[in-house]
Amino acid sequence: MSDLPPPPAPGFGAPAAPPTGRQPGGLLDRFLARLIDGILLGIVNAVIVSAIIVGAVMGDSGGLYTASTYAATAVSAVVSTVIYVGYFAFMESSRGQTVGKMVMKLHTLGPDGGHPTLEQAVRRNIWMGAGILGLVPVLGWFSGLVELVAVILIAVGINNDPVNRQAWHDHFAGETRVVKET
C-alpha cells in the first residue's frame, strides 16, 4: 500500500480529466481554420487573378472601362468562385478537412458521420461563391457585403447553438457538423 493520500475528486482542487473523442468545433477554432485557409487561398487567388487582369490591361489601351476590362473582371469573378468553393468542397468531401482544419484538428462530418458528399460540401460553402456577382457590373460591388453578412450569420449561429455548434450553412447542407478531436 502507498502512504500517499488519494487524489482529490474533480471539482475539488484537481482538474477533471480532459474529455476524449469528438466535441463540436468551437467558434474560435473554426475561425482560425478559415483564416489559415483564407490566407493560403488568398495568395493563390491573387496570383491567378492578377495574371488575368494584367493580361487584359496590357492587351488593351482603350481606357479604364472597356470590354476587355469587363471580360477580365468577369473571368476573375468566375475563377475566384471556383477556387474558393472548389477548394472547400473538394477538401471537405474527400478528406473531411481543409488545411486550416488539419492545423486546428477539426473535421467536417456529413449527416451520416462520414465525410460530407460533394453536394453537401458545396451547399455548406456556397456562400463563398458570392464573388460570382462580379459578372453583373453593379452587383459585383456587393459581393463582399454578401459574404460579410454570411460570415456574421454563421458566427452568430455557431455561438447560439452550444450543443452542436451548427449554423445555417450546416443545416442547408443537410446537417453537417464540424467536430474537434480531443
N, C-alpha and C. Protein backbone atom coordinates (compact mmCIF):
# COMPACT_ATOMS: atom_id res chain seq x y z
N MET A 1 0.83 -1.18 0.00
CA MET A 1 0.00 0.00 0.00
C MET A 1 0.88 1.24 0.00
N SER A 2 0.35 2.27 -0.61
CA SER A 2 1.07 3.53 -0.69
C SER A 2 0.65 4.43 0.46
N ASP A 3 1.61 5.23 0.94
CA ASP A 3 1.31 6.18 2.02
C ASP A 3 0.78 7.50 1.47
N LEU A 4 0.65 7.61 0.14
CA LEU A 4 0.15 8.85 -0.46
C LEU A 4 -1.36 8.94 -0.32
N PRO A 5 -1.86 10.13 -0.08
CA PRO A 5 -3.32 10.27 0.01
C PRO A 5 -3.94 10.12 -1.39
N PRO A 6 -5.19 9.75 -1.45
CA PRO A 6 -5.83 9.63 -2.76
C PRO A 6 -5.95 11.00 -3.42
N PRO A 7 -5.96 11.04 -4.75
CA PRO A 7 -6.07 12.34 -5.43
C PRO A 7 -7.43 12.96 -5.15
N PRO A 8 -7.48 14.28 -5.10
CA PRO A 8 -8.76 14.93 -4.85
C PRO A 8 -9.74 14.66 -5.99
N ALA A 9 -11.02 14.68 -5.66
CA ALA A 9 -12.06 14.45 -6.66
C ALA A 9 -12.13 15.64 -7.60
N PRO A 10 -12.52 15.42 -8.86
CA PRO A 10 -12.66 16.55 -9.79
C PRO A 10 -13.62 17.59 -9.21
N GLY A 11 -13.27 18.84 -9.38
CA GLY A 11 -14.10 19.92 -8.87
C GLY A 11 -13.68 20.37 -7.49
N PHE A 12 -12.79 19.62 -6.85
CA PHE A 12 -12.33 19.97 -5.52
C PHE A 12 -10.83 20.16 -5.52
N GLY A 13 -10.32 20.95 -6.44
CA GLY A 13 -8.90 21.27 -6.46
C GLY A 13 -8.15 20.62 -7.61
N ALA A 14 -8.58 19.45 -8.08
CA ALA A 14 -7.88 18.80 -9.19
C ALA A 14 -8.69 19.01 -10.46
N PRO A 15 -8.01 19.29 -11.56
CA PRO A 15 -8.76 19.45 -12.82
C PRO A 15 -9.34 18.11 -13.26
N ALA A 16 -10.49 18.18 -13.88
CA ALA A 16 -11.11 16.97 -14.41
C ALA A 16 -10.29 16.48 -15.58
N ALA A 17 -10.34 15.19 -15.82
CA ALA A 17 -9.63 14.62 -16.96
C ALA A 17 -10.23 15.20 -18.24
N PRO A 18 -9.38 15.47 -19.24
CA PRO A 18 -9.92 16.03 -20.48
C PRO A 18 -10.85 15.03 -21.15
N PRO A 19 -11.93 15.53 -21.76
CA PRO A 19 -12.84 14.62 -22.43
C PRO A 19 -12.15 13.99 -23.64
N THR A 20 -12.54 12.79 -23.95
CA THR A 20 -11.97 12.11 -25.10
C THR A 20 -13.01 12.03 -26.19
N GLY A 21 -12.57 11.80 -27.40
CA GLY A 21 -13.49 11.68 -28.52
C GLY A 21 -13.64 12.98 -29.26
N ARG A 22 -14.84 13.19 -29.78
CA ARG A 22 -15.10 14.36 -30.60
C ARG A 22 -16.07 15.30 -29.90
N GLN A 23 -15.70 16.56 -29.91
CA GLN A 23 -16.54 17.62 -29.36
C GLN A 23 -16.90 18.55 -30.52
N PRO A 24 -18.03 19.25 -30.45
CA PRO A 24 -18.33 20.22 -31.51
C PRO A 24 -17.22 21.27 -31.61
N GLY A 25 -16.86 21.62 -32.84
CA GLY A 25 -15.83 22.62 -33.06
C GLY A 25 -16.31 23.99 -32.62
N GLY A 26 -15.52 24.65 -31.80
CA GLY A 26 -15.88 25.96 -31.28
C GLY A 26 -15.67 27.07 -32.30
N LEU A 27 -16.24 28.21 -32.00
CA LEU A 27 -16.18 29.35 -32.91
C LEU A 27 -14.75 29.81 -33.16
N LEU A 28 -13.92 29.90 -32.13
CA LEU A 28 -12.55 30.37 -32.31
C LEU A 28 -11.73 29.40 -33.16
N ASP A 29 -11.83 28.10 -32.89
CA ASP A 29 -11.09 27.12 -33.69
C ASP A 29 -11.53 27.15 -35.15
N ARG A 30 -12.82 27.26 -35.38
CA ARG A 30 -13.33 27.30 -36.75
C ARG A 30 -12.90 28.59 -37.45
N PHE A 31 -12.91 29.71 -36.72
CA PHE A 31 -12.45 30.97 -37.29
C PHE A 31 -10.97 30.88 -37.68
N LEU A 32 -10.15 30.33 -36.79
CA LEU A 32 -8.72 30.23 -37.09
C LEU A 32 -8.47 29.30 -38.28
N ALA A 33 -9.24 28.22 -38.38
CA ALA A 33 -9.10 27.32 -39.53
C ALA A 33 -9.44 28.06 -40.82
N ARG A 34 -10.53 28.82 -40.83
CA ARG A 34 -10.92 29.59 -42.02
C ARG A 34 -9.89 30.66 -42.33
N LEU A 35 -9.31 31.26 -41.30
CA LEU A 35 -8.28 32.28 -41.51
C LEU A 35 -7.06 31.67 -42.19
N ILE A 36 -6.62 30.53 -41.73
CA ILE A 36 -5.48 29.84 -42.35
C ILE A 36 -5.79 29.52 -43.80
N ASP A 37 -6.96 28.94 -44.05
CA ASP A 37 -7.35 28.62 -45.42
C ASP A 37 -7.48 29.89 -46.26
N GLY A 38 -8.03 30.94 -45.66
CA GLY A 38 -8.21 32.19 -46.39
C GLY A 38 -6.89 32.81 -46.81
N ILE A 39 -5.89 32.72 -45.96
CA ILE A 39 -4.57 33.26 -46.31
C ILE A 39 -3.97 32.45 -47.46
N LEU A 40 -4.03 31.12 -47.35
CA LEU A 40 -3.48 30.28 -48.42
C LEU A 40 -4.20 30.51 -49.75
N LEU A 41 -5.53 30.51 -49.70
CA LEU A 41 -6.30 30.70 -50.93
C LEU A 41 -6.17 32.12 -51.46
N GLY A 42 -6.05 33.09 -50.56
CA GLY A 42 -5.88 34.47 -50.99
C GLY A 42 -4.61 34.66 -51.81
N ILE A 43 -3.55 33.99 -51.40
CA ILE A 43 -2.29 34.09 -52.15
C ILE A 43 -2.46 33.45 -53.53
N VAL A 44 -3.02 32.25 -53.58
CA VAL A 44 -3.23 31.56 -54.86
C VAL A 44 -4.14 32.39 -55.76
N ASN A 45 -5.23 32.86 -55.20
CA ASN A 45 -6.20 33.64 -55.96
C ASN A 45 -5.58 34.94 -56.48
N ALA A 46 -4.81 35.62 -55.64
CA ALA A 46 -4.19 36.88 -56.05
C ALA A 46 -3.25 36.69 -57.22
N VAL A 47 -2.47 35.63 -57.19
CA VAL A 47 -1.53 35.37 -58.29
C VAL A 47 -2.29 35.11 -59.59
N ILE A 48 -3.29 34.25 -59.52
CA ILE A 48 -4.03 33.88 -60.73
C ILE A 48 -4.83 35.05 -61.28
N VAL A 49 -5.58 35.72 -60.41
CA VAL A 49 -6.41 36.84 -60.85
C VAL A 49 -5.55 38.01 -61.33
N SER A 50 -4.43 38.25 -60.67
CA SER A 50 -3.53 39.32 -61.12
C SER A 50 -3.02 39.04 -62.53
N ALA A 51 -2.70 37.80 -62.81
CA ALA A 51 -2.24 37.44 -64.15
C ALA A 51 -3.34 37.69 -65.18
N ILE A 52 -4.56 37.38 -64.83
CA ILE A 52 -5.68 37.61 -65.75
C ILE A 52 -5.87 39.10 -66.01
N ILE A 53 -5.86 39.88 -64.95
CA ILE A 53 -6.09 41.32 -65.08
C ILE A 53 -4.94 42.00 -65.81
N VAL A 54 -3.71 41.65 -65.46
CA VAL A 54 -2.56 42.25 -66.13
C VAL A 54 -2.58 41.90 -67.61
N GLY A 55 -2.95 40.67 -67.94
CA GLY A 55 -3.05 40.28 -69.35
C GLY A 55 -4.09 41.10 -70.08
N ALA A 56 -5.21 41.39 -69.44
CA ALA A 56 -6.26 42.18 -70.08
C ALA A 56 -5.84 43.63 -70.23
N VAL A 57 -5.20 44.19 -69.21
CA VAL A 57 -4.80 45.59 -69.26
C VAL A 57 -3.67 45.78 -70.26
N MET A 58 -2.72 44.88 -70.31
CA MET A 58 -1.59 45.00 -71.25
C MET A 58 -2.07 44.88 -72.70
N GLY A 59 -3.11 44.10 -72.90
CA GLY A 59 -3.60 43.91 -74.26
C GLY A 59 -4.61 44.95 -74.69
N ASP A 60 -4.96 45.88 -73.81
CA ASP A 60 -5.98 46.87 -74.12
C ASP A 60 -5.47 48.25 -73.79
N SER A 61 -5.54 49.15 -74.74
CA SER A 61 -5.11 50.53 -74.48
C SER A 61 -6.28 51.48 -74.64
N GLY A 62 -7.50 50.97 -74.52
CA GLY A 62 -8.68 51.79 -74.77
C GLY A 62 -9.22 52.52 -73.56
N GLY A 63 -8.59 52.46 -72.42
CA GLY A 63 -9.08 53.18 -71.25
C GLY A 63 -9.38 52.23 -70.11
N LEU A 64 -9.94 52.79 -69.04
CA LEU A 64 -10.16 52.03 -67.82
C LEU A 64 -11.35 51.08 -67.94
N TYR A 65 -12.45 51.52 -68.52
CA TYR A 65 -13.65 50.69 -68.61
C TYR A 65 -13.90 50.31 -70.06
N THR A 66 -13.43 49.14 -70.41
CA THR A 66 -13.60 48.64 -71.78
C THR A 66 -14.15 47.23 -71.72
N ALA A 67 -14.44 46.69 -72.89
CA ALA A 67 -14.96 45.33 -72.97
C ALA A 67 -13.95 44.33 -72.42
N SER A 68 -12.68 44.53 -72.70
CA SER A 68 -11.69 43.57 -72.22
C SER A 68 -11.49 43.69 -70.70
N THR A 69 -11.66 44.90 -70.16
CA THR A 69 -11.59 45.06 -68.71
C THR A 69 -12.76 44.35 -68.05
N TYR A 70 -13.97 44.51 -68.61
CA TYR A 70 -15.13 43.79 -68.08
C TYR A 70 -14.91 42.29 -68.19
N ALA A 71 -14.39 41.84 -69.33
CA ALA A 71 -14.15 40.40 -69.51
C ALA A 71 -13.16 39.88 -68.48
N ALA A 72 -12.11 40.65 -68.20
CA ALA A 72 -11.13 40.24 -67.19
C ALA A 72 -11.78 40.18 -65.81
N THR A 73 -12.65 41.15 -65.51
CA THR A 73 -13.34 41.15 -64.23
C THR A 73 -14.28 39.96 -64.13
N ALA A 74 -15.00 39.67 -65.19
CA ALA A 74 -15.93 38.53 -65.20
C ALA A 74 -15.17 37.21 -65.05
N VAL A 75 -14.10 37.05 -65.78
CA VAL A 75 -13.30 35.82 -65.69
C VAL A 75 -12.71 35.70 -64.29
N SER A 76 -12.25 36.82 -63.73
CA SER A 76 -11.69 36.80 -62.37
C SER A 76 -12.74 36.40 -61.35
N ALA A 77 -13.98 36.88 -61.51
CA ALA A 77 -15.06 36.51 -60.59
C ALA A 77 -15.33 35.02 -60.65
N VAL A 78 -15.37 34.47 -61.85
CA VAL A 78 -15.62 33.03 -62.01
C VAL A 78 -14.46 32.22 -61.44
N VAL A 79 -13.24 32.62 -61.77
CA VAL A 79 -12.06 31.90 -61.30
C VAL A 79 -11.99 31.93 -59.77
N SER A 80 -12.22 33.09 -59.17
CA SER A 80 -12.19 33.21 -57.71
C SER A 80 -13.25 32.32 -57.07
N THR A 81 -14.44 32.32 -57.63
CA THR A 81 -15.51 31.47 -57.09
C THR A 81 -15.14 30.00 -57.17
N VAL A 82 -14.59 29.59 -58.30
CA VAL A 82 -14.19 28.19 -58.47
C VAL A 82 -13.08 27.83 -57.49
N ILE A 83 -12.12 28.73 -57.30
CA ILE A 83 -11.02 28.46 -56.38
C ILE A 83 -11.54 28.27 -54.95
N TYR A 84 -12.33 29.22 -54.48
CA TYR A 84 -12.79 29.17 -53.09
C TYR A 84 -13.79 28.04 -52.84
N VAL A 85 -14.87 28.01 -53.60
CA VAL A 85 -15.88 26.97 -53.37
C VAL A 85 -15.30 25.60 -53.70
N GLY A 86 -14.54 25.52 -54.78
CA GLY A 86 -13.95 24.24 -55.18
C GLY A 86 -13.01 23.67 -54.14
N TYR A 87 -12.17 24.51 -53.59
CA TYR A 87 -11.21 24.06 -52.56
C TYR A 87 -11.94 23.47 -51.36
N PHE A 88 -12.87 24.25 -50.80
CA PHE A 88 -13.57 23.78 -49.60
C PHE A 88 -14.42 22.55 -49.91
N ALA A 89 -15.10 22.54 -51.04
CA ALA A 89 -15.95 21.39 -51.38
C ALA A 89 -15.11 20.14 -51.61
N PHE A 90 -14.02 20.27 -52.34
CA PHE A 90 -13.18 19.10 -52.62
C PHE A 90 -12.53 18.57 -51.34
N MET A 91 -11.92 19.47 -50.57
CA MET A 91 -11.21 19.02 -49.38
C MET A 91 -12.15 18.42 -48.33
N GLU A 92 -13.30 19.05 -48.12
CA GLU A 92 -14.23 18.53 -47.12
C GLU A 92 -14.87 17.22 -47.56
N SER A 93 -15.17 17.08 -48.85
CA SER A 93 -15.80 15.84 -49.30
C SER A 93 -14.81 14.69 -49.44
N SER A 94 -13.57 14.98 -49.75
CA SER A 94 -12.59 13.90 -49.94
C SER A 94 -11.83 13.55 -48.67
N ARG A 95 -11.55 14.54 -47.81
CA ARG A 95 -10.75 14.31 -46.60
C ARG A 95 -11.49 14.62 -45.31
N GLY A 96 -12.56 15.40 -45.42
CA GLY A 96 -13.25 15.85 -44.22
C GLY A 96 -12.56 17.02 -43.57
N GLN A 97 -11.48 17.50 -44.17
CA GLN A 97 -10.69 18.59 -43.60
C GLN A 97 -10.07 19.43 -44.69
N THR A 98 -9.92 20.72 -44.41
CA THR A 98 -9.09 21.59 -45.22
C THR A 98 -7.75 21.70 -44.51
N VAL A 99 -6.81 22.41 -45.10
CA VAL A 99 -5.51 22.59 -44.45
C VAL A 99 -5.69 23.28 -43.09
N GLY A 100 -6.52 24.31 -43.05
CA GLY A 100 -6.77 25.01 -41.79
C GLY A 100 -7.39 24.09 -40.75
N LYS A 101 -8.30 23.24 -41.15
CA LYS A 101 -8.92 22.31 -40.21
C LYS A 101 -7.92 21.26 -39.76
N MET A 102 -7.00 20.87 -40.62
CA MET A 102 -5.96 19.93 -40.20
C MET A 102 -5.12 20.55 -39.08
N VAL A 103 -4.73 21.81 -39.27
CA VAL A 103 -3.93 22.50 -38.26
C VAL A 103 -4.69 22.60 -36.94
N MET A 104 -5.98 22.89 -37.02
CA MET A 104 -6.80 23.09 -35.82
C MET A 104 -7.43 21.80 -35.30
N LYS A 105 -7.13 20.66 -35.95
CA LYS A 105 -7.66 19.35 -35.55
C LYS A 105 -9.19 19.29 -35.59
N LEU A 106 -9.73 19.88 -36.65
CA LEU A 106 -11.17 19.88 -36.88
C LEU A 106 -11.51 18.96 -38.04
N HIS A 107 -12.71 18.41 -38.03
CA HIS A 107 -13.20 17.57 -39.12
C HIS A 107 -14.62 17.99 -39.46
N THR A 108 -14.93 18.01 -40.74
CA THR A 108 -16.30 18.24 -41.17
C THR A 108 -16.94 16.88 -41.39
N LEU A 109 -18.09 16.66 -40.77
CA LEU A 109 -18.80 15.39 -40.88
C LEU A 109 -20.12 15.61 -41.60
N GLY A 110 -20.47 14.64 -42.42
CA GLY A 110 -21.78 14.64 -43.05
C GLY A 110 -22.82 14.15 -42.08
N PRO A 111 -24.08 14.14 -42.48
CA PRO A 111 -25.15 13.70 -41.59
C PRO A 111 -24.99 12.26 -41.10
N ASP A 112 -24.32 11.43 -41.90
CA ASP A 112 -24.14 10.02 -41.52
C ASP A 112 -22.89 9.79 -40.67
N GLY A 113 -22.12 10.83 -40.37
CA GLY A 113 -20.92 10.70 -39.56
C GLY A 113 -19.64 10.54 -40.35
N GLY A 114 -19.73 10.30 -41.66
CA GLY A 114 -18.55 10.22 -42.51
C GLY A 114 -18.28 11.58 -43.14
N HIS A 115 -17.44 11.58 -44.17
CA HIS A 115 -17.19 12.83 -44.89
C HIS A 115 -18.48 13.28 -45.56
N PRO A 116 -18.69 14.57 -45.66
CA PRO A 116 -19.85 15.03 -46.42
C PRO A 116 -19.69 14.66 -47.89
N THR A 117 -20.81 14.52 -48.57
CA THR A 117 -20.74 14.28 -50.01
C THR A 117 -20.29 15.58 -50.68
N LEU A 118 -19.94 15.50 -51.95
CA LEU A 118 -19.54 16.70 -52.68
C LEU A 118 -20.69 17.70 -52.71
N GLU A 119 -21.91 17.23 -52.91
CA GLU A 119 -23.05 18.14 -52.91
C GLU A 119 -23.22 18.82 -51.55
N GLN A 120 -23.10 18.07 -50.47
CA GLN A 120 -23.23 18.67 -49.14
C GLN A 120 -22.13 19.69 -48.89
N ALA A 121 -20.92 19.37 -49.32
CA ALA A 121 -19.80 20.30 -49.12
C ALA A 121 -19.98 21.57 -49.95
N VAL A 122 -20.50 21.43 -51.17
CA VAL A 122 -20.76 22.62 -51.98
C VAL A 122 -21.85 23.46 -51.31
N ARG A 123 -22.91 22.83 -50.88
CA ARG A 123 -24.00 23.57 -50.24
C ARG A 123 -23.51 24.27 -48.97
N ARG A 124 -22.65 23.61 -48.23
CA ARG A 124 -22.13 24.16 -46.98
C ARG A 124 -21.27 25.40 -47.23
N ASN A 125 -20.61 25.46 -48.36
CA ASN A 125 -19.67 26.54 -48.65
C ASN A 125 -20.12 27.46 -49.78
N ILE A 126 -21.36 27.34 -50.21
CA ILE A 126 -21.83 28.11 -51.36
C ILE A 126 -21.78 29.62 -51.12
N TRP A 127 -21.86 30.03 -49.86
CA TRP A 127 -21.79 31.45 -49.54
C TRP A 127 -20.48 32.08 -49.99
N MET A 128 -19.44 31.28 -50.11
CA MET A 128 -18.15 31.80 -50.55
C MET A 128 -18.14 32.12 -52.03
N GLY A 129 -19.19 31.72 -52.73
CA GLY A 129 -19.30 32.00 -54.16
C GLY A 129 -19.96 33.33 -54.47
N ALA A 130 -20.14 34.18 -53.47
CA ALA A 130 -20.77 35.48 -53.71
C ALA A 130 -19.97 36.32 -54.69
N GLY A 131 -18.70 36.01 -54.86
CA GLY A 131 -17.87 36.74 -55.81
C GLY A 131 -18.36 36.63 -57.24
N ILE A 132 -19.19 35.65 -57.51
CA ILE A 132 -19.74 35.47 -58.86
C ILE A 132 -20.63 36.65 -59.23
N LEU A 133 -21.06 37.41 -58.23
CA LEU A 133 -21.84 38.63 -58.51
C LEU A 133 -21.04 39.62 -59.34
N GLY A 134 -19.72 39.43 -59.41
CA GLY A 134 -18.87 40.28 -60.24
C GLY A 134 -19.20 40.20 -61.71
N LEU A 135 -20.00 39.22 -62.11
CA LEU A 135 -20.45 39.13 -63.50
C LEU A 135 -21.43 40.24 -63.86
N VAL A 136 -22.11 40.75 -62.84
CA VAL A 136 -23.08 41.82 -63.06
C VAL A 136 -22.41 43.11 -62.57
N PRO A 137 -22.21 44.08 -63.48
CA PRO A 137 -21.39 45.25 -63.14
C PRO A 137 -21.66 45.90 -61.79
N VAL A 138 -22.85 46.28 -61.45
CA VAL A 138 -23.08 46.98 -60.19
C VAL A 138 -23.15 46.01 -59.01
N LEU A 139 -23.72 44.83 -59.22
CA LEU A 139 -23.85 43.86 -58.13
C LEU A 139 -22.50 43.35 -57.63
N GLY A 140 -21.50 43.37 -58.47
CA GLY A 140 -20.17 42.91 -58.07
C GLY A 140 -19.63 43.65 -56.86
N TRP A 141 -20.04 44.90 -56.71
CA TRP A 141 -19.58 45.69 -55.58
C TRP A 141 -20.15 45.17 -54.27
N PHE A 142 -21.27 44.46 -54.33
CA PHE A 142 -21.93 43.99 -53.12
C PHE A 142 -21.50 42.58 -52.70
N SER A 143 -20.66 41.93 -53.49
CA SER A 143 -20.28 40.55 -53.17
C SER A 143 -19.58 40.46 -51.82
N GLY A 144 -18.72 41.41 -51.51
CA GLY A 144 -18.04 41.42 -50.21
C GLY A 144 -19.02 41.60 -49.07
N LEU A 145 -20.04 42.43 -49.28
CA LEU A 145 -21.06 42.65 -48.26
C LEU A 145 -21.88 41.38 -48.03
N VAL A 146 -22.21 40.67 -49.11
CA VAL A 146 -22.95 39.42 -49.00
C VAL A 146 -22.14 38.39 -48.20
N GLU A 147 -20.85 38.29 -48.49
CA GLU A 147 -20.00 37.35 -47.75
C GLU A 147 -19.87 37.76 -46.28
N LEU A 148 -19.76 39.05 -46.01
CA LEU A 148 -19.66 39.52 -44.63
C LEU A 148 -20.93 39.17 -43.85
N VAL A 149 -22.09 39.40 -44.44
CA VAL A 149 -23.35 39.06 -43.79
C VAL A 149 -23.41 37.56 -43.52
N ALA A 150 -22.99 36.76 -44.51
CA ALA A 150 -22.99 35.30 -44.32
C ALA A 150 -22.08 34.89 -43.17
N VAL A 151 -20.90 35.48 -43.08
CA VAL A 151 -19.96 35.16 -42.00
C VAL A 151 -20.54 35.54 -40.64
N ILE A 152 -21.16 36.71 -40.57
CA ILE A 152 -21.76 37.14 -39.30
C ILE A 152 -22.87 36.18 -38.90
N LEU A 153 -23.73 35.81 -39.85
CA LEU A 153 -24.82 34.88 -39.54
C LEU A 153 -24.28 33.51 -39.11
N ILE A 154 -23.19 33.07 -39.73
CA ILE A 154 -22.58 31.80 -39.34
C ILE A 154 -22.02 31.90 -37.92
N ALA A 155 -21.31 32.97 -37.63
CA ALA A 155 -20.73 33.14 -36.28
C ALA A 155 -21.82 33.20 -35.22
N VAL A 156 -22.88 33.94 -35.49
CA VAL A 156 -23.98 34.04 -34.53
C VAL A 156 -24.64 32.67 -34.36
N GLY A 157 -24.84 31.95 -35.47
CA GLY A 157 -25.46 30.62 -35.40
C GLY A 157 -24.62 29.64 -34.59
N ILE A 158 -23.32 29.63 -34.82
CA ILE A 158 -22.43 28.74 -34.07
C ILE A 158 -22.45 29.11 -32.59
N ASN A 159 -22.40 30.39 -32.30
CA ASN A 159 -22.39 30.85 -30.92
C ASN A 159 -23.71 30.55 -30.20
N ASN A 160 -24.81 30.62 -30.93
CA ASN A 160 -26.14 30.42 -30.32
C ASN A 160 -26.54 28.95 -30.21
N ASP A 161 -25.72 28.04 -30.70
CA ASP A 161 -26.02 26.60 -30.60
C ASP A 161 -24.93 25.93 -29.76
N PRO A 162 -25.05 26.01 -28.43
CA PRO A 162 -23.98 25.48 -27.58
C PRO A 162 -23.86 23.96 -27.61
N VAL A 163 -24.85 23.26 -28.11
CA VAL A 163 -24.80 21.80 -28.11
C VAL A 163 -24.07 21.28 -29.35
N ASN A 164 -24.52 21.66 -30.54
CA ASN A 164 -23.95 21.12 -31.78
C ASN A 164 -23.03 22.09 -32.51
N ARG A 165 -23.11 23.38 -32.18
CA ARG A 165 -22.31 24.41 -32.85
C ARG A 165 -22.54 24.40 -34.36
N GLN A 166 -23.82 24.33 -34.75
CA GLN A 166 -24.19 24.35 -36.17
C GLN A 166 -24.81 25.70 -36.49
N ALA A 167 -24.57 26.16 -37.72
CA ALA A 167 -25.17 27.41 -38.19
C ALA A 167 -26.00 27.11 -39.44
N TRP A 168 -26.51 28.16 -40.07
CA TRP A 168 -27.41 27.99 -41.21
C TRP A 168 -26.77 27.17 -42.32
N HIS A 169 -25.47 27.34 -42.57
CA HIS A 169 -24.83 26.62 -43.67
C HIS A 169 -24.74 25.13 -43.38
N ASP A 170 -24.62 24.74 -42.11
CA ASP A 170 -24.62 23.32 -41.75
C ASP A 170 -26.00 22.72 -41.96
N HIS A 171 -27.04 23.45 -41.61
CA HIS A 171 -28.41 22.98 -41.81
C HIS A 171 -28.74 22.91 -43.30
N PHE A 172 -28.32 23.92 -44.06
CA PHE A 172 -28.56 23.95 -45.50
C PHE A 172 -27.89 22.77 -46.21
N ALA A 173 -26.79 22.31 -45.65
CA ALA A 173 -26.05 21.19 -46.25
C ALA A 173 -26.54 19.83 -45.74
N GLY A 174 -27.66 19.80 -45.06
CA GLY A 174 -28.21 18.51 -44.62
C GLY A 174 -27.74 18.09 -43.25
N GLU A 175 -27.42 19.04 -42.40
CA GLU A 175 -26.99 18.78 -41.02
C GLU A 175 -25.54 18.30 -40.93
N THR A 176 -24.65 18.96 -41.65
CA THR A 176 -23.23 18.69 -41.47
C THR A 176 -22.80 19.24 -40.12
N ARG A 177 -21.67 18.75 -39.63
CA ARG A 177 -21.14 19.20 -38.34
C ARG A 177 -19.64 19.34 -38.44
N VAL A 178 -19.10 20.22 -37.64
CA VAL A 178 -17.65 20.34 -37.51
C VAL A 178 -17.30 19.92 -36.10
N VAL A 179 -16.39 18.96 -35.98
CA VAL A 179 -16.00 18.45 -34.68
C VAL A 179 -14.51 18.61 -34.48
N LYS A 180 -14.12 18.67 -33.22
CA LYS A 180 -12.71 18.78 -32.86
C LYS A 180 -12.29 17.50 -32.18
N GLU A 181 -11.14 16.99 -32.61
CA GLU A 181 -10.56 15.81 -31.95
C GLU A 181 -9.96 16.25 -30.63
N THR A 182 -10.33 15.55 -29.56
CA THR A 182 -9.79 15.90 -28.25
C THR A 182 -9.01 14.75 -27.68
